[in-house]
Each structure stands twice: as structure tokens, then as C-alpha cells.
Amino acid sequence: MADETGEPEGIGGEGPDPRARLMHEVAEQMDAIETDFGDGYQIGRVITIVEVIRPDGNVELRLRAGQYPWVAIGMLDWAKKSLEAAARGG
């Protein structure tokens, strides 16, 4: 989750345990899904993208997608287009 500057909490200082932070992000996502959809939904495919910041300052991305690569690419493309539309105000 980002703070008021748009930076993830814990960047630049001592943050929470990495495992606890990831679990917190997933719990917030589930809360948002439950708020939007109530009880009438199922969770389908899941993709996780995590920015990993090493102590030496190097940054890597970890992607985990439990489906065929072309399905993951389609989901990521749809997500990109959705974010672009939201940024345009549509």
C-alpha cells in the first residue's frame, strides 16, 4: 500500500516484515473484493507481481502466474488497458 507520497510503506526506512507486508496486501485485496462483490463470487486465476528491493538497492520484479503464459499475458494486457483508461478518466 502506498503512503501519501505514492511510495510503498516502509520504503526508505525500516518497514514491516516482508512476509507480513505481502500478507497485508493480499488481505486488503480480499477486503476490497468482498466489499465490491459480497458473497456471490469465486476467485479465478491469480497473478502476483512483487517489487523486491535488495539491501544493495537493486530492484527486481517477481511475477507468479499459475496458468499458461498466453493467459497471463492477456490478463496483464487487460490490466494495463484498464489502468490507462482509469488514468484518462474513462
Protein backbone atom coordinates (compact mmCIF):
# COMPACT_ATOMS: atom_id res chain seq x y z
CA MET A 1 0.00 0.00 0.00
CA ALA A 2 1.30 3.45 -0.84
CA ASP A 3 1.60 6.33 1.58
CA GLU A 4 0.59 9.90 0.76
CA THR A 5 3.69 10.34 -1.45
CA GLY A 6 2.78 7.33 -3.59
CA GLU A 7 5.69 5.32 -2.25
CA PRO A 8 5.04 1.93 -0.66
CA GLU A 9 5.05 2.00 3.11
CA GLY A 10 8.42 1.10 4.57
CA ILE A 11 10.50 2.34 1.62
CA GLY A 12 13.49 4.31 2.80
CA GLY A 13 13.26 3.12 6.39
CA GLU A 14 12.62 0.10 8.48
CA GLY A 15 9.44 -1.47 7.18
CA PRO A 16 7.39 -4.37 8.40
CA ASP A 17 8.45 -7.96 7.95
CA PRO A 18 8.34 -8.68 4.17
CA ARG A 19 6.11 -11.73 4.64
CA ALA A 20 3.70 -9.78 6.86
CA ARG A 21 3.65 -6.92 4.34
CA LEU A 22 2.71 -9.24 1.47
CA MET A 23 0.03 -10.95 3.57
CA HIS A 24 -1.36 -7.50 4.49
CA GLU A 25 -1.57 -6.52 0.80
CA VAL A 26 -3.43 -9.75 -0.04
CA ALA A 27 -5.82 -9.24 2.90
CA GLU A 28 -6.59 -5.70 1.71
CA GLN A 29 -7.31 -7.03 -1.79
CA MET A 30 -9.69 -9.66 -0.36
CA ASP A 31 -11.46 -6.99 1.73
CA ALA A 32 -11.94 -4.85 -1.40
CA ILE A 33 -13.26 -7.83 -3.38
CA GLU A 34 -15.72 -8.73 -0.61
CA THR A 35 -16.89 -5.10 -0.44
CA ASP A 36 -17.46 -4.95 -4.21
CA PHE A 37 -18.93 -8.42 -4.78
CA GLY A 38 -20.46 -9.52 -1.47
CA ASP A 39 -20.72 -13.30 -1.19
CA GLY A 40 -21.60 -14.09 -4.81
CA TYR A 41 -18.22 -14.63 -6.41
CA GLN A 42 -15.39 -17.10 -6.91
CA ILE A 43 -11.70 -16.32 -7.23
CA GLY A 44 -10.40 -17.32 -10.66
CA ARG A 45 -6.85 -17.01 -11.89
CA VAL A 46 -4.38 -15.01 -9.81
CA ILE A 47 -1.26 -13.13 -10.87
CA THR A 48 1.10 -11.60 -8.34
CA ILE A 49 3.73 -9.02 -9.19
CA VAL A 50 6.06 -8.04 -6.37
CA GLU A 51 8.78 -5.40 -6.38
CA VAL A 52 11.74 -6.80 -4.43
CA ILE A 53 14.24 -4.23 -3.15
CA ARG A 54 17.55 -5.73 -2.10
CA PRO A 55 19.74 -4.26 0.65
CA ASP A 56 22.22 -3.06 -2.01
CA GLY A 57 19.46 -1.00 -3.67
CA ASN A 58 18.95 -3.29 -6.67
CA VAL A 59 15.30 -3.73 -7.59
CA GLU A 60 13.75 -6.78 -9.22
CA LEU A 61 10.21 -7.81 -10.07
CA ARG A 62 8.86 -11.25 -9.22
CA LEU A 63 5.90 -12.49 -11.21
CA ARG A 64 3.89 -15.57 -10.37
CA ALA A 65 1.09 -16.69 -12.65
CA GLY A 66 -0.37 -20.16 -12.28
CA GLN A 67 -1.67 -20.52 -15.82
CA TYR A 68 -0.45 -20.76 -19.38
CA PRO A 69 1.84 -17.84 -20.34
CA TRP A 70 -0.56 -16.60 -23.03
CA VAL A 71 -3.36 -16.40 -20.45
CA ALA A 72 -1.13 -14.42 -18.07
CA ILE A 73 -0.11 -12.06 -20.91
CA GLY A 74 -3.77 -11.50 -21.78
CA MET A 75 -4.65 -10.73 -18.16
CA LEU A 76 -1.71 -8.33 -17.82
CA ASP A 77 -2.65 -6.61 -21.09
CA TRP A 78 -6.24 -6.19 -19.89
CA ALA A 79 -4.99 -4.79 -16.55
CA LYS A 80 -2.71 -2.32 -18.36
CA LYS A 81 -5.57 -1.10 -20.56
CA SER A 82 -7.84 -0.76 -17.50
CA LEU A 83 -5.25 1.38 -15.68
CA GLU A 84 -4.73 3.53 -18.77
CA ALA A 85 -8.50 4.06 -19.10
CA ALA A 86 -8.78 4.96 -15.42
CA ALA A 87 -5.92 7.46 -15.77
CA ARG A 88 -7.74 9.08 -18.71
CA GLY A 89 -10.85 9.34 -16.57
CA GLY A 90 -12.83 6.74 -18.52
